Amino acid sequence: MTGRQHRETEIARRIRAAGLAAGRTSAQIADEIHEACTTHFSTTRIKAHRLSQGIALADVIEQVRALFERDKKPMPGIGETLLSAYESGLKRPGPEYLHYLCTVYRVEPASLGYEGPCICGHGHRMPALNGEVRERAPVLPMERELVIHPMGPDPDAQEDENILRRMLLNLLNVDTSPLAELDGPVLGACEGIRRRMDETLVSATVSAAMLDQWEEATSSFGRQYTTTAPLRLLCDVLLELSAVRTAMSRRQPTDLAERLCRMAAQLSGLSGMILINLGDHRLARAFFRTGRTAADETGDRALRAWVCARESLVPLYFGDAREALHLAKKSRDLAGSMPCPAQAMAPVVEARALAMMSGADSKKEVVDQAKRALARARNAFSHMREEDQEDVAFGYTEKQLFFYQGDVLTKLGQTIEAEVVLDQALTKYEDHIVDQTLIRLDQAQCRLIDGDVDEALSIGTKALRLVGDEYLTDFIVRPALALEQAIMSKNADAPGLEDFRSALRRSKNQVKGGGA
């Protein structure tokens, strides 16, 4: 313990002793500690509550773990390093950890220095001996003015984070909240966090242990990419990105700064990927640009190539195949001969862009060119590291290769090959409803190209009905509309067309917040 920390602890100990002698509650003692120590030691409210109880970080961790065990939940990843980051203001607890910390200290989030209600929806105040609830001592106006954030408060950043946290609370309360929307305030918060990250990258101490935890969280978000509703995951990812930006706002040693930039690039790229799924191509492009800026700081060609390859999907999905082709070639050049995910991903995007530009009536040379690109992708995939072959977000998996290969063959009009590959892809996608839906829409296109309108409508209608409202964004609606128009051009009076339209119009009426 440093001399500064020792003085802070000694002052807190004296205040606690006097408070207990006077019969004050631990919450009242914490307020006094915060008022006395915050000016000289930047003592946060959450730390003041621990000091008011005279316990160590390890004691709080054990209490939180005991509560998780009581609620029959898996053991949490919270440790002394993470709790210390909460107490120093470097990080803010997520909704679940905040709930359990409020339970440990028996106070509301505001008493720990955090706005908004707890996700549990009920209070945490400590009951008195006679069974009544003790009210917290009145908060004086001067006390409110003493709230200090050591990293330097940024009201705009805090408001953006609060908007995302409120969205998280709404999403977690699924029984009572209406269908969440990617509305103006949420879009503004996304853009604000991305912009401030840009500002931090062009200007510039966090512990190595804290970086380890952030890197684990980033990897975890990548694993959740296929299983978590996009808007819910976006809130989590952006809150983590905001925490990384806070750490980067101070000069760091070179090795730590490089790791922070890597996480910033990955989190920004992942945000762009999620926003593609949500249908907002403008904001997706902005996050990929931020990711490129961060990746450039690392000097890692594989990471830079990954961001570029992921960015190429924006024009690919939103109608500019030539730009997608350009970005894919740029990604391929960045990757060079280095075995990495982009080396497999970029040729697939090239093939898809070629297929989009030529259409189902492709000339033989275009078909051959696209197939050669797919062959390069398969060869590159075979040389990738095993961990990259299993990472759906930051790597490139076999099921992705099957799916996109089937998509290329469908667009080229090679329906026999396409259906075989799409069937293989569908069996591998058990946990990602978005890609399952896109695969089924490709299968419907194959049947339509072969002239079976009824079967195309049957497959397409089933695909739209299987996908939940939270996933049914413009990203899905666009190819579904294209299928509808293709069917109408063949048979505007097809028997199943009204059922297909009904499933499709559901997306327009109920799902908002789609692309620009």
Protein backbone atom coordinates (compact mmCIF):
# COMPACT_ATOMS: atom_id res chain seq x y z
CA MET A 1 0.00 0.00 0.00
CA THR A 2 1.39 3.42 -0.94
CA GLY A 3 1.69 6.29 1.54
CA ARG A 4 -1.23 8.04 -0.14
CA GLN A 5 -3.44 4.95 0.14
CA HIS A 6 -2.37 4.48 3.76
CA ARG A 7 -3.42 8.05 4.67
CA GLU A 8 -6.76 7.54 2.90
CA THR A 9 -7.37 4.30 4.82
CA GLU A 10 -6.39 5.91 8.16
CA ILE A 11 -8.82 8.80 7.66
CA ALA A 12 -11.59 6.38 6.65
CA ARG A 13 -10.88 4.21 9.70
CA ARG A 14 -11.24 7.18 12.08
CA ILE A 15 -14.47 8.30 10.41
CA ARG A 16 -15.86 4.76 10.59
CA ALA A 17 -15.03 4.41 14.27
CA ALA A 18 -16.68 7.72 15.11
CA GLY A 19 -19.71 6.88 13.00
CA LEU A 20 -20.22 3.49 14.61
CA ALA A 21 -19.93 5.06 18.07
CA ALA A 22 -22.60 7.60 17.09
CA GLY A 23 -24.94 4.87 15.75
CA ARG A 24 -24.75 5.88 12.10
CA THR A 25 -25.45 3.40 9.31
CA SER A 26 -22.67 2.21 6.98
CA ALA A 27 -24.28 4.22 4.16
CA GLN A 28 -24.08 7.41 6.24
CA ILE A 29 -20.48 6.64 7.19
CA ALA A 30 -19.66 6.09 3.50
CA ASP A 31 -21.06 9.55 2.68
CA GLU A 32 -18.82 11.09 5.34
CA ILE A 33 -15.75 9.22 4.07
CA HIS A 34 -16.49 10.33 0.51
CA GLU A 35 -16.87 13.95 1.58
CA ALA A 36 -13.66 13.92 3.61
CA CYS A 37 -11.43 11.99 1.19
CA THR A 38 -12.57 12.79 -2.34
CA THR A 39 -10.81 16.17 -2.57
CA HIS A 40 -7.39 14.86 -1.57
CA PHE A 41 -7.54 11.21 -2.69
CA SER A 42 -10.23 11.21 -5.45
CA THR A 43 -12.11 8.61 -3.42
CA THR A 44 -15.10 7.38 -5.39
CA ARG A 45 -18.45 6.63 -3.77
CA ILE A 46 -18.15 2.89 -4.43
CA LYS A 47 -14.77 2.81 -2.68
CA ALA A 48 -16.13 4.85 0.22
CA HIS A 49 -18.73 2.15 0.85
CA ARG A 50 -16.06 -0.52 1.11
CA LEU A 51 -14.00 1.64 3.45
CA SER A 52 -17.10 2.35 5.55
CA GLN A 53 -17.39 -1.38 6.23
CA GLY A 54 -13.67 -1.79 6.98
CA ILE A 55 -13.22 -4.67 4.53
CA ALA A 56 -10.69 -5.49 1.80
CA LEU A 57 -11.23 -5.98 -1.92
CA ALA A 58 -11.00 -9.74 -1.44
CA ASP A 59 -13.89 -9.65 1.06
CA VAL A 60 -16.17 -7.93 -1.43
CA ILE A 61 -15.22 -10.43 -4.15
CA GLU A 62 -16.05 -13.38 -1.88
CA GLN A 63 -19.43 -11.85 -1.00
CA VAL A 64 -20.26 -11.34 -4.70
CA ARG A 65 -19.25 -14.93 -5.47
CA ALA A 66 -21.38 -16.20 -2.60
CA LEU A 67 -24.38 -14.31 -4.00
CA PHE A 68 -23.80 -15.82 -7.45
CA GLU A 69 -23.62 -19.27 -5.88
CA ARG A 70 -26.82 -18.59 -3.92
CA ASP A 71 -28.60 -17.64 -7.16
CA LYS A 72 -27.24 -20.80 -8.86
CA LYS A 73 -25.27 -18.83 -11.43
CA PRO A 74 -21.83 -19.70 -12.85
CA MET A 75 -18.96 -18.23 -10.88
CA PRO A 76 -18.32 -14.64 -12.06
CA GLY A 77 -15.07 -13.44 -13.58
CA ILE A 78 -14.84 -10.47 -11.22
CA GLY A 79 -11.56 -10.19 -9.34
CA GLU A 80 -9.62 -7.67 -7.28
CA THR A 81 -8.19 -6.01 -10.39
CA LEU A 82 -11.62 -5.41 -11.90
CA LEU A 83 -13.12 -4.18 -8.61
CA SER A 84 -10.13 -1.86 -8.19
CA ALA A 85 -10.86 -0.46 -11.66
CA TYR A 86 -14.45 0.23 -10.59
CA GLU A 87 -13.20 2.01 -7.48
CA SER A 88 -10.69 4.11 -9.41
CA GLY A 89 -13.24 5.15 -12.04
CA LEU A 90 -11.46 3.37 -14.91
CA LYS A 91 -14.45 1.10 -15.53
CA ARG A 92 -18.13 0.99 -14.67
CA PRO A 93 -19.80 -2.25 -13.51
CA GLY A 94 -22.16 -3.89 -15.97
CA PRO A 95 -25.84 -4.20 -14.97
CA GLU A 96 -25.39 -7.63 -13.35
CA TYR A 97 -22.24 -6.82 -11.36
CA LEU A 98 -23.77 -3.50 -10.27
CA HIS A 99 -26.81 -5.37 -8.93
CA TYR A 100 -24.65 -7.66 -6.81
CA LEU A 101 -22.43 -4.83 -5.56
CA CYS A 102 -25.59 -2.96 -4.50
CA THR A 103 -26.68 -6.14 -2.72
CA VAL A 104 -23.34 -6.43 -0.90
CA TYR A 105 -23.40 -2.79 0.27
CA ARG A 106 -27.22 -2.72 0.61
CA VAL A 107 -27.63 0.57 -1.19
CA GLU A 108 -29.02 1.80 -4.50
CA PRO A 109 -26.83 2.45 -7.61
CA ALA A 110 -26.92 6.22 -6.98
CA SER A 111 -25.24 5.71 -3.59
CA LEU A 112 -22.33 4.00 -5.36
CA GLY A 113 -22.06 6.88 -7.83
CA TYR A 114 -24.00 5.36 -10.76
CA GLU A 115 -27.15 6.71 -12.33
CA GLY A 116 -30.27 4.73 -13.15
CA PRO A 117 -32.20 1.98 -11.37
CA CYS A 118 -30.89 -1.49 -10.66
CA ILE A 119 -31.91 -4.23 -13.11
CA CYS A 120 -33.62 -6.17 -10.32
CA GLY A 121 -36.34 -3.52 -10.02
CA HIS A 122 -36.40 -3.44 -6.19
CA GLY A 123 -34.45 -1.70 -3.46
CA HIS A 124 -31.30 -2.79 -1.63
CA ARG A 125 -31.44 -0.56 1.46
CA MET A 126 -30.43 -2.14 4.75
CA PRO A 127 -33.27 -3.08 7.15
CA ALA A 128 -33.01 -1.82 10.73
CA LEU A 129 -33.24 -4.09 13.75
CA ASN A 130 -36.96 -3.42 14.22
CA GLY A 131 -37.73 -4.52 10.67
CA GLU A 132 -38.16 -1.02 9.28
CA VAL A 133 -36.06 0.31 6.44
CA ARG A 134 -33.50 2.88 7.43
CA GLU A 135 -33.52 5.84 5.13
CA ARG A 136 -30.22 7.15 3.94
CA ALA A 137 -29.22 10.46 5.49
CA PRO A 138 -30.29 13.46 3.39
CA VAL A 139 -27.78 14.35 0.70
CA LEU A 140 -26.71 17.97 1.03
CA PRO A 141 -26.38 20.14 -2.11
CA MET A 142 -22.67 20.56 -1.42
CA GLU A 143 -22.25 16.79 -1.25
CA ARG A 144 -23.66 16.36 -4.75
CA GLU A 145 -21.04 18.77 -6.04
CA LEU A 146 -18.20 16.68 -4.62
CA VAL A 147 -18.63 13.76 -7.04
CA ILE A 148 -15.23 13.47 -8.76
CA HIS A 149 -14.14 11.10 -11.51
CA PRO A 150 -10.35 10.66 -11.44
CA MET A 151 -10.00 10.12 -15.19
CA GLY A 152 -11.47 13.54 -15.96
CA PRO A 153 -15.25 13.78 -16.41
CA ASP A 154 -16.66 14.09 -19.90
CA PRO A 155 -20.39 14.90 -19.63
CA ASP A 156 -21.06 13.95 -23.25
CA ALA A 157 -19.32 10.60 -22.85
CA GLN A 158 -21.22 9.88 -19.63
CA GLU A 159 -24.54 10.75 -21.26
CA ASP A 160 -23.81 8.47 -24.24
CA GLU A 161 -22.94 5.63 -21.87
CA ASN A 162 -26.13 6.28 -19.87
CA ILE A 163 -28.22 6.07 -23.06
CA LEU A 164 -26.70 2.68 -23.86
CA ARG A 165 -27.16 1.49 -20.28
CA ARG A 166 -30.82 2.48 -20.37
CA MET A 167 -31.15 0.54 -23.61
CA LEU A 168 -29.52 -2.46 -21.91
CA LEU A 169 -31.98 -2.23 -19.02
CA ASN A 170 -34.88 -2.20 -21.50
CA LEU A 171 -33.48 -5.18 -23.37
CA LEU A 172 -32.88 -7.14 -20.16
CA ASN A 173 -36.45 -6.48 -19.01
CA VAL A 174 -37.90 -8.48 -21.88
CA ASP A 175 -41.22 -9.20 -20.19
CA THR A 176 -42.30 -5.59 -19.92
CA SER A 177 -40.35 -3.57 -22.47
CA PRO A 178 -41.60 -2.94 -26.00
CA LEU A 179 -39.53 -3.97 -28.99
CA ALA A 180 -36.31 -1.97 -28.72
CA GLU A 181 -35.45 0.45 -31.49
CA LEU A 182 -32.18 1.67 -32.91
CA ASP A 183 -33.52 5.19 -32.51
CA GLY A 184 -32.02 8.69 -32.67
CA PRO A 185 -30.55 8.86 -29.14
CA VAL A 186 -28.98 5.39 -29.44
CA LEU A 187 -27.52 6.22 -32.85
CA GLY A 188 -26.19 9.49 -31.42
CA ALA A 189 -24.58 7.64 -28.50
CA CYS A 190 -22.94 5.16 -30.90
CA GLU A 191 -21.57 7.98 -33.01
CA GLY A 192 -20.40 9.93 -29.95
CA ILE A 193 -18.39 7.01 -28.56
CA ARG A 194 -16.87 6.33 -31.97
CA ARG A 195 -15.96 10.00 -32.49
CA ARG A 196 -14.29 10.33 -29.09
CA MET A 197 -12.31 7.17 -29.80
CA ASP A 198 -11.09 8.83 -33.00
CA GLU A 199 -10.05 11.91 -31.01
CA THR A 200 -8.22 9.79 -28.45
CA LEU A 201 -6.38 7.81 -31.11
CA VAL A 202 -4.88 10.94 -32.60
CA SER A 203 -3.92 12.40 -29.20
CA ALA A 204 -2.53 10.12 -26.47
CA THR A 205 -1.60 3.84 -16.55
CA VAL A 206 -3.44 0.86 -16.95
CA SER A 207 -2.19 -2.43 -15.51
CA ALA A 208 -1.32 -5.45 -17.62
CA ALA A 209 -3.81 -7.49 -15.59
CA MET A 210 -6.60 -5.08 -16.52
CA LEU A 211 -5.63 -5.36 -20.18
CA ASP A 212 -5.82 -9.15 -19.88
CA GLN A 213 -9.39 -8.87 -18.63
CA TRP A 214 -10.36 -6.45 -21.41
CA GLU A 215 -8.86 -8.76 -24.03
CA GLU A 216 -10.83 -11.68 -22.57
CA ALA A 217 -14.00 -9.56 -22.72
CA THR A 218 -13.30 -8.65 -26.35
CA SER A 219 -12.88 -12.33 -27.26
CA SER A 220 -16.09 -13.12 -25.39
CA PHE A 221 -18.01 -10.53 -27.41
CA GLY A 222 -16.70 -12.15 -30.57
CA ARG A 223 -18.08 -15.51 -29.42
CA GLN A 224 -21.44 -13.92 -28.60
CA TYR A 225 -21.69 -12.40 -32.10
CA THR A 226 -23.70 -15.34 -33.43
CA THR A 227 -25.87 -15.96 -30.37
CA THR A 228 -26.83 -12.55 -28.93
CA ALA A 229 -29.40 -10.14 -30.36
CA PRO A 230 -27.46 -7.43 -32.25
CA LEU A 231 -28.70 -4.35 -30.37
CA ARG A 232 -28.08 -6.02 -27.00
CA LEU A 233 -24.54 -6.96 -28.00
CA LEU A 234 -23.86 -3.52 -29.49
CA CYS A 235 -24.55 -1.86 -26.13
CA ASP A 236 -22.09 -4.20 -24.36
CA VAL A 237 -19.39 -3.75 -27.00
CA LEU A 238 -19.64 0.04 -27.04
CA LEU A 239 -19.50 0.30 -23.25
CA GLU A 240 -16.28 -1.74 -23.36
CA LEU A 241 -14.95 0.45 -26.17
CA SER A 242 -15.69 3.52 -24.06
CA ALA A 243 -13.72 2.02 -21.15
CA VAL A 244 -10.76 1.32 -23.46
CA ARG A 245 -10.92 4.92 -24.73
CA THR A 246 -10.77 6.19 -21.14
CA ALA A 247 -7.56 4.22 -20.57
CA MET A 248 -6.11 5.48 -23.86
CA SER A 249 -6.77 9.11 -22.94
CA ARG A 250 -3.56 9.00 -20.91
CA ARG A 251 -0.15 8.24 -22.32
CA GLN A 252 0.75 4.58 -21.91
CA PRO A 253 3.96 2.56 -22.28
CA THR A 254 4.45 1.42 -25.87
CA ASP A 255 3.57 -2.24 -25.27
CA LEU A 256 0.37 -1.40 -23.38
CA ALA A 257 -0.62 1.27 -25.90
CA GLU A 258 -0.32 -1.27 -28.71
CA ARG A 259 -2.58 -3.73 -26.89
CA LEU A 260 -5.13 -0.99 -26.26
CA CYS A 261 -5.07 -0.04 -29.95
CA ARG A 262 -5.59 -3.68 -30.91
CA MET A 263 -8.65 -3.91 -28.67
CA ALA A 264 -9.93 -0.59 -30.02
CA ALA A 265 -9.59 -1.92 -33.58
CA GLN A 266 -11.34 -5.20 -32.74
CA LEU A 267 -14.17 -3.58 -30.78
CA SER A 268 -14.69 -0.93 -33.45
CA GLY A 269 -14.70 -3.58 -36.18
CA LEU A 270 -17.13 -5.72 -34.20
CA SER A 271 -19.39 -2.68 -33.75
CA GLY A 272 -19.34 -2.19 -37.51
CA MET A 273 -20.28 -5.84 -38.06
CA ILE A 274 -23.21 -5.57 -35.64
CA LEU A 275 -24.40 -2.36 -37.30
CA ILE A 276 -24.42 -4.15 -40.67
CA ASN A 277 -26.79 -6.66 -39.10
CA LEU A 278 -28.89 -3.77 -37.77
CA GLY A 279 -29.02 -2.24 -41.24
CA ASP A 280 -27.18 1.05 -40.61
CA HIS A 281 -24.46 1.13 -43.25
CA ARG A 282 -23.44 4.75 -42.61
CA LEU A 283 -22.58 4.20 -38.96
CA ALA A 284 -21.03 0.82 -39.78
CA ARG A 285 -18.63 2.49 -42.22
CA ALA A 286 -17.74 5.09 -39.61
CA PHE A 287 -16.83 2.42 -37.06
CA PHE A 288 -14.72 0.55 -39.60
CA ARG A 289 -12.83 3.78 -40.31
CA THR A 290 -12.18 4.11 -36.58
CA GLY A 291 -11.05 0.49 -36.55
CA ARG A 292 -8.62 1.16 -39.40
CA THR A 293 -7.15 4.12 -37.51
CA ALA A 294 -6.61 1.97 -34.42
CA ALA A 295 -5.24 -0.99 -36.41
CA ASP A 296 -2.75 1.27 -38.20
CA GLU A 297 -1.29 2.18 -34.80
CA THR A 298 -0.47 -1.48 -34.11
CA GLY A 299 1.47 -2.09 -37.32
CA ASP A 300 -0.18 -5.53 -37.51
CA ARG A 301 -0.87 -6.26 -41.18
CA ALA A 302 -3.19 -9.16 -40.38
CA LEU A 303 -5.34 -6.96 -38.14
CA ARG A 304 -5.43 -4.16 -40.71
CA ALA A 305 -6.41 -6.66 -43.39
CA TRP A 306 -9.18 -8.07 -41.16
CA VAL A 307 -10.73 -4.62 -40.61
CA CYS A 308 -10.56 -3.87 -44.34
CA ALA A 309 -12.12 -7.23 -45.27
CA ARG A 310 -14.95 -6.71 -42.78
CA GLU A 311 -15.52 -3.19 -44.09
CA SER A 312 -15.87 -4.54 -47.65
CA LEU A 313 -19.12 -6.23 -46.54
CA VAL A 314 -20.81 -2.83 -46.14
CA PRO A 315 -20.83 -1.94 -49.85
CA LEU A 316 -21.36 -5.61 -50.69
CA TYR A 317 -24.62 -5.76 -48.72
CA PHE A 318 -25.78 -2.25 -49.53
CA GLY A 319 -25.43 -2.16 -53.28
CA ASP A 320 -21.94 -1.06 -54.39
CA ALA A 321 -20.24 -4.22 -55.63
CA ARG A 322 -17.38 -2.32 -57.29
CA GLU A 323 -16.33 -0.68 -54.03
CA ALA A 324 -16.61 -4.04 -52.27
CA LEU A 325 -14.29 -5.52 -54.90
CA HIS A 326 -11.82 -2.66 -54.39
CA LEU A 327 -11.75 -3.08 -50.58
CA ALA A 328 -11.41 -6.87 -50.89
CA LYS A 329 -8.37 -6.48 -53.13
CA LYS A 330 -6.92 -3.94 -50.70
CA SER A 331 -7.42 -6.41 -47.85
CA ARG A 332 -5.77 -9.16 -49.89
CA ASP A 333 -2.77 -6.92 -50.54
CA LEU A 334 -2.46 -6.05 -46.85
CA ALA A 335 -2.56 -9.72 -45.87
CA GLY A 336 0.08 -10.66 -48.45
CA SER A 337 1.35 -14.20 -48.01
CA MET A 338 0.70 -14.23 -44.25
CA PRO A 339 -1.77 -16.99 -43.20
CA CYS A 340 -4.59 -15.04 -41.54
CA PRO A 341 -8.41 -14.76 -41.65
CA ALA A 342 -8.38 -11.94 -44.20
CA GLN A 343 -6.47 -14.12 -46.64
CA ALA A 344 -9.52 -16.40 -46.81
CA MET A 345 -12.19 -13.73 -46.38
CA ALA A 346 -11.02 -11.27 -49.05
CA PRO A 347 -11.21 -13.70 -52.04
CA VAL A 348 -14.73 -14.69 -51.00
CA VAL A 349 -15.81 -11.04 -51.04
CA GLU A 350 -14.16 -10.68 -54.47
CA ALA A 351 -16.16 -13.65 -55.76
CA ARG A 352 -19.41 -12.32 -54.30
CA ALA A 353 -18.82 -8.87 -55.80
CA LEU A 354 -18.09 -10.39 -59.23
CA ALA A 355 -21.27 -12.46 -59.01
CA MET A 356 -23.33 -9.40 -58.05
CA MET A 357 -21.98 -7.37 -60.97
CA SER A 358 -22.62 -10.11 -63.51
CA GLY A 359 -25.89 -11.61 -62.22
CA ALA A 360 -27.42 -15.03 -62.86
CA ASP A 361 -26.68 -14.80 -66.61
CA SER A 362 -22.93 -14.63 -65.99
CA LYS A 363 -20.53 -15.26 -68.81
CA LYS A 364 -18.24 -18.23 -68.54
CA GLU A 365 -15.13 -16.09 -67.89
CA VAL A 366 -16.84 -14.36 -64.95
CA VAL A 367 -17.96 -17.69 -63.50
CA ASP A 368 -14.42 -19.05 -63.86
CA GLN A 369 -12.92 -15.94 -62.26
CA ALA A 370 -15.28 -16.16 -59.28
CA LYS A 371 -14.61 -19.87 -58.84
CA ARG A 372 -10.85 -19.25 -58.90
CA ALA A 373 -11.33 -16.70 -56.11
CA LEU A 374 -13.27 -19.30 -54.08
CA ALA A 375 -10.49 -21.82 -54.65
CA ARG A 376 -7.94 -19.29 -53.29
CA ALA A 377 -10.17 -18.81 -50.25
CA ARG A 378 -10.35 -22.56 -49.57
CA ASN A 379 -6.60 -22.89 -49.92
CA ALA A 380 -5.98 -19.95 -47.55
CA PHE A 381 -8.45 -21.40 -45.05
CA SER A 382 -6.54 -24.69 -44.95
CA HIS A 383 -3.39 -22.79 -43.87
CA MET A 384 -5.04 -20.73 -41.12
CA ARG A 385 -4.40 -21.41 -37.45
CA GLU A 386 -6.93 -23.70 -35.80
CA GLU A 387 -8.08 -21.01 -33.37
CA ASP A 388 -8.77 -18.63 -36.26
CA GLN A 389 -10.81 -21.34 -37.99
CA GLU A 390 -13.09 -21.50 -34.94
CA ASP A 391 -13.51 -17.73 -34.36
CA VAL A 392 -16.65 -16.50 -36.12
CA ALA A 393 -15.97 -12.80 -35.50
CA PHE A 394 -12.21 -12.23 -35.54
CA GLY A 395 -11.36 -15.31 -37.58
CA TYR A 396 -13.04 -17.19 -40.42
CA THR A 397 -14.87 -20.46 -39.97
CA GLU A 398 -15.67 -23.37 -42.26
CA LYS A 399 -19.40 -22.68 -42.00
CA GLN A 400 -18.85 -19.10 -43.17
CA LEU A 401 -16.85 -20.42 -46.11
CA PHE A 402 -19.69 -22.79 -47.06
CA PHE A 403 -22.36 -20.10 -46.70
CA TYR A 404 -20.59 -17.50 -48.82
CA GLN A 405 -19.54 -20.04 -51.42
CA GLY A 406 -23.21 -21.03 -51.76
CA ASP A 407 -24.21 -17.38 -52.01
CA VAL A 408 -21.71 -16.81 -54.84
CA LEU A 409 -22.90 -19.86 -56.78
CA THR A 410 -26.53 -18.76 -56.34
CA LYS A 411 -25.83 -15.30 -57.72
CA LEU A 412 -23.92 -16.86 -60.63
CA GLY A 413 -26.93 -19.07 -61.43
CA GLN A 414 -25.01 -22.28 -60.67
CA THR A 415 -27.99 -23.72 -58.83
CA ILE A 416 -27.01 -27.40 -58.70
CA GLU A 417 -23.68 -26.68 -57.02
CA ALA A 418 -25.21 -23.92 -54.92
CA GLU A 419 -27.92 -26.10 -53.39
CA VAL A 420 -25.40 -28.75 -52.33
CA VAL A 421 -23.18 -26.16 -50.64
CA LEU A 422 -26.11 -24.27 -49.05
CA ASP A 423 -27.46 -27.52 -47.56
CA GLN A 424 -24.04 -28.13 -46.00
CA ALA A 425 -23.91 -24.57 -44.70
CA LEU A 426 -27.38 -24.76 -43.12
CA THR A 427 -26.46 -27.88 -41.15
CA LYS A 428 -23.48 -26.03 -39.66
CA TYR A 429 -25.39 -22.87 -38.65
CA GLU A 430 -27.21 -24.01 -35.54
CA ASP A 431 -26.64 -20.86 -33.47
CA HIS A 432 -26.94 -17.89 -35.84
CA ILE A 433 -30.46 -17.15 -37.01
CA VAL A 434 -29.38 -14.22 -39.23
CA ASP A 435 -27.16 -16.37 -41.42
CA GLN A 436 -29.66 -19.24 -41.33
CA THR A 437 -32.27 -16.86 -42.76
CA LEU A 438 -29.93 -15.58 -45.46
CA ILE A 439 -29.05 -19.16 -46.43
CA ARG A 440 -32.74 -20.07 -46.75
CA LEU A 441 -33.39 -16.99 -48.88
CA ASP A 442 -30.53 -18.10 -51.16
CA GLN A 443 -32.11 -21.56 -51.36
CA ALA A 444 -35.39 -19.92 -52.36
CA GLN A 445 -33.56 -17.98 -55.08
CA CYS A 446 -32.10 -21.24 -56.41
CA ARG A 447 -35.56 -22.78 -56.67
CA LEU A 448 -36.85 -19.66 -58.39
CA ILE A 449 -34.02 -19.70 -60.94
CA ASP A 450 -34.92 -23.31 -61.68
CA GLY A 451 -38.54 -22.23 -62.26
CA ASP A 452 -40.17 -23.66 -59.10
CA VAL A 453 -42.03 -20.57 -57.87
CA ASP A 454 -44.19 -22.43 -55.32
CA GLU A 455 -41.20 -24.03 -53.61
CA ALA A 456 -39.32 -20.71 -53.61
CA LEU A 457 -42.26 -19.05 -51.83
CA SER A 458 -42.54 -21.90 -49.35
CA ILE A 459 -38.85 -21.73 -48.39
CA GLY A 460 -38.84 -17.92 -48.26
CA THR A 461 -41.96 -17.70 -46.10
CA LYS A 462 -40.61 -20.29 -43.66
CA ALA A 463 -37.32 -18.38 -43.41
CA LEU A 464 -39.06 -15.12 -42.47
CA ARG A 465 -41.34 -16.77 -39.93
CA LEU A 466 -38.49 -18.51 -38.15
CA VAL A 467 -36.51 -15.33 -37.50
CA GLY A 468 -37.39 -13.37 -34.35
CA ASP A 469 -38.35 -9.70 -34.38
CA GLU A 470 -35.11 -8.60 -32.72
CA TYR A 471 -33.12 -9.99 -35.69
CA LEU A 472 -35.49 -8.95 -38.47
CA THR A 473 -33.79 -5.76 -39.66
CA ASP A 474 -33.12 -4.22 -43.07
CA PHE A 475 -30.22 -6.64 -43.37
CA ILE A 476 -32.78 -9.44 -43.78
CA VAL A 477 -35.53 -7.37 -45.41
CA ARG A 478 -33.41 -6.31 -48.40
CA PRO A 479 -32.76 -9.82 -49.82
CA ALA A 480 -36.35 -10.78 -48.96
CA LEU A 481 -37.65 -7.84 -51.00
CA ALA A 482 -35.36 -8.83 -53.86
CA LEU A 483 -36.84 -12.34 -53.74
CA GLU A 484 -40.38 -10.93 -53.76
CA GLN A 485 -39.66 -8.78 -56.81
CA ALA A 486 -38.07 -11.72 -58.66
CA ILE A 487 -41.11 -13.89 -57.91
CA MET A 488 -43.53 -11.19 -59.10
CA SER A 489 -41.65 -10.90 -62.36
CA LYS A 490 -42.28 -14.60 -62.97
CA ASN A 491 -45.79 -14.99 -61.56
CA ALA A 492 -47.52 -12.06 -59.85
CA ASP A 493 -50.48 -14.27 -58.94
CA ALA A 494 -48.56 -17.12 -57.32
CA PRO A 495 -50.73 -18.79 -54.60
CA GLY A 496 -48.26 -18.37 -51.72
CA LEU A 497 -47.28 -14.79 -52.50
CA GLU A 498 -49.70 -13.20 -49.99
CA ASP A 499 -48.35 -15.36 -47.13
CA PHE A 500 -44.80 -14.34 -48.07
CA ARG A 501 -45.81 -10.68 -48.18
CA SER A 502 -47.50 -10.94 -44.80
CA ALA A 503 -44.33 -12.33 -43.21
CA LEU A 504 -42.23 -9.71 -44.97
CA ARG A 505 -44.44 -6.72 -44.10
CA ARG A 506 -44.20 -7.73 -40.46
CA SER A 507 -40.61 -6.59 -40.60
CA LYS A 508 -41.58 -3.18 -41.95
CA ASN A 509 -44.31 -2.58 -39.40
CA GLN A 510 -42.68 -3.91 -36.26
CA VAL A 511 -38.94 -3.57 -36.69
CA LYS A 512 -37.54 -0.07 -36.75
CA GLY A 513 -34.10 1.42 -36.69
CA GLY A 514 -32.90 -0.14 -39.92
CA GLY A 515 -30.43 1.31 -42.31
CA ALA A 516 -29.91 4.69 -43.75
